[in-house]
Amino acid sequence: MMKRQLERVAIKDLQRGPIRGPLTAEQEHRIRAFTDTLQEVFPCKYEEAFDSFRRDAHPDREIETWEFIASAYKQHKGACKTFEGRKALYTSLLTTGQPPS
């Protein structure tokens, strides 16, 4: 098996991948649902989200990941009394898949 070399790329040099295909109506509905749930801590327009998922090689897998994050956020956000706390919860879920300890 060939070993890949890691390469550093400046953020300014990153380019969006190609559109890989259309989304189904069900996928768009699911994206809208988790986008609505996370709107306060991750403001994103539907069309921006759709565009991003159209570029994904495995959109259903990514949608499931975001649904998990949104579900956990919804379950735990009541314990966060401030916006900063809710943002920390979102960041923790995004990076570790777990609410902060």
Protein backbone atom coordinates (compact mmCIF):
# COMPACT_ATOMS: atom_id res chain seq x y z
CA MET A 1 0.00 0.00 0.00
CA MET A 2 1.33 3.42 -0.99
CA LYS A 3 1.93 5.85 1.88
CA ARG A 4 0.51 9.33 1.34
CA GLN A 5 2.50 12.44 2.17
CA LEU A 6 0.78 15.19 4.10
CA GLU A 7 0.98 18.57 2.49
CA ARG A 8 0.36 21.95 4.09
CA VAL A 9 -1.86 24.28 2.10
CA ALA A 10 -2.65 27.88 2.97
CA ILE A 11 -6.34 28.49 3.58
CA LYS A 12 -6.34 31.12 0.84
CA ASP A 13 -5.25 28.43 -1.63
CA LEU A 14 -8.05 25.97 -0.84
CA GLN A 15 -10.62 25.43 -3.56
CA ARG A 16 -14.12 23.97 -3.39
CA GLY A 17 -14.52 20.51 -4.82
CA PRO A 18 -16.77 19.80 -7.79
CA ILE A 19 -20.52 19.30 -7.57
CA ARG A 20 -20.94 15.52 -7.37
CA GLY A 21 -24.68 15.37 -7.88
CA PRO A 22 -28.07 16.69 -6.89
CA LEU A 23 -29.63 16.21 -3.48
CA THR A 24 -32.92 14.42 -3.05
CA ALA A 25 -35.92 16.19 -1.54
CA GLU A 26 -35.48 14.04 1.58
CA GLN A 27 -31.83 15.06 1.93
CA GLU A 28 -32.78 18.74 1.60
CA HIS A 29 -35.49 18.30 4.25
CA ARG A 30 -32.99 16.68 6.64
CA ILE A 31 -30.43 19.45 6.01
CA ARG A 32 -33.06 22.13 6.71
CA ALA A 33 -33.97 20.42 10.00
CA PHE A 34 -30.47 20.34 11.48
CA THR A 35 -29.61 23.75 10.03
CA ASP A 36 -32.62 25.20 11.87
CA THR A 37 -31.57 23.51 15.12
CA LEU A 38 -28.01 24.87 14.94
CA GLN A 39 -28.86 28.33 13.52
CA GLU A 40 -28.00 30.24 16.71
CA VAL A 41 -24.48 28.80 16.99
CA PHE A 42 -23.80 28.01 13.33
CA PRO A 43 -25.70 30.46 11.11
CA CYS A 44 -25.92 28.99 7.63
CA LYS A 45 -28.30 29.62 4.77
CA TYR A 46 -30.01 26.59 3.28
CA GLU A 47 -28.54 27.16 -0.17
CA GLU A 48 -25.01 27.33 1.26
CA ALA A 49 -25.59 24.06 3.09
CA PHE A 50 -27.10 22.41 0.00
CA ASP A 51 -24.13 23.54 -2.10
CA SER A 52 -21.70 22.07 0.41
CA PHE A 53 -23.48 18.71 0.56
CA ARG A 54 -23.74 18.51 -3.24
CA ARG A 55 -19.92 18.51 -3.25
CA ASP A 56 -19.66 15.67 -0.75
CA ALA A 57 -18.77 12.19 -1.98
CA HIS A 58 -21.04 10.63 0.66
CA PRO A 59 -23.74 13.17 1.54
CA ASP A 60 -25.93 10.75 3.51
CA ARG A 61 -23.06 9.89 5.84
CA GLU A 62 -22.31 13.59 6.40
CA ILE A 63 -25.99 14.39 6.93
CA GLU A 64 -26.15 11.66 9.60
CA THR A 65 -23.15 13.19 11.36
CA TRP A 66 -24.77 16.62 11.40
CA GLU A 67 -28.07 15.14 12.56
CA PHE A 68 -26.23 13.56 15.48
CA ILE A 69 -24.58 16.89 16.38
CA ALA A 70 -27.91 18.74 16.14
CA SER A 71 -29.72 16.12 18.22
CA ALA A 72 -27.08 16.20 20.97
CA TYR A 73 -27.06 20.01 20.87
CA LYS A 74 -30.84 20.13 21.27
CA GLN A 75 -30.68 17.64 24.15
CA HIS A 76 -28.00 19.55 26.11
CA LYS A 77 -28.51 23.22 25.23
CA GLY A 78 -31.01 23.76 28.06
CA ALA A 79 -28.16 23.41 30.55
CA CYS A 80 -26.34 26.31 28.87
CA LYS A 81 -27.59 29.62 30.25
CA THR A 82 -25.58 31.87 27.93
CA PHE A 83 -24.80 32.11 24.24
CA GLU A 84 -21.14 31.48 25.08
CA GLY A 85 -22.14 28.25 26.81
CA ARG A 86 -24.23 27.11 23.85
CA LYS A 87 -21.37 27.97 21.48
CA ALA A 88 -18.97 25.95 23.66
CA LEU A 89 -21.42 23.03 23.58
CA TYR A 90 -21.60 23.20 19.78
CA THR A 91 -17.81 23.42 19.47
CA SER A 92 -17.36 20.44 21.77
CA LEU A 93 -19.90 18.36 19.85
CA LEU A 94 -18.28 19.32 16.56
CA THR A 95 -14.76 18.44 17.66
CA THR A 96 -15.29 15.49 20.01
CA GLY A 97 -18.85 14.27 19.50
CA GLN A 98 -19.43 14.78 23.24
CA PRO A 99 -20.82 17.64 25.34
CA PRO A 100 -18.21 19.37 27.52
CA SER A 101 -17.53 17.75 30.90
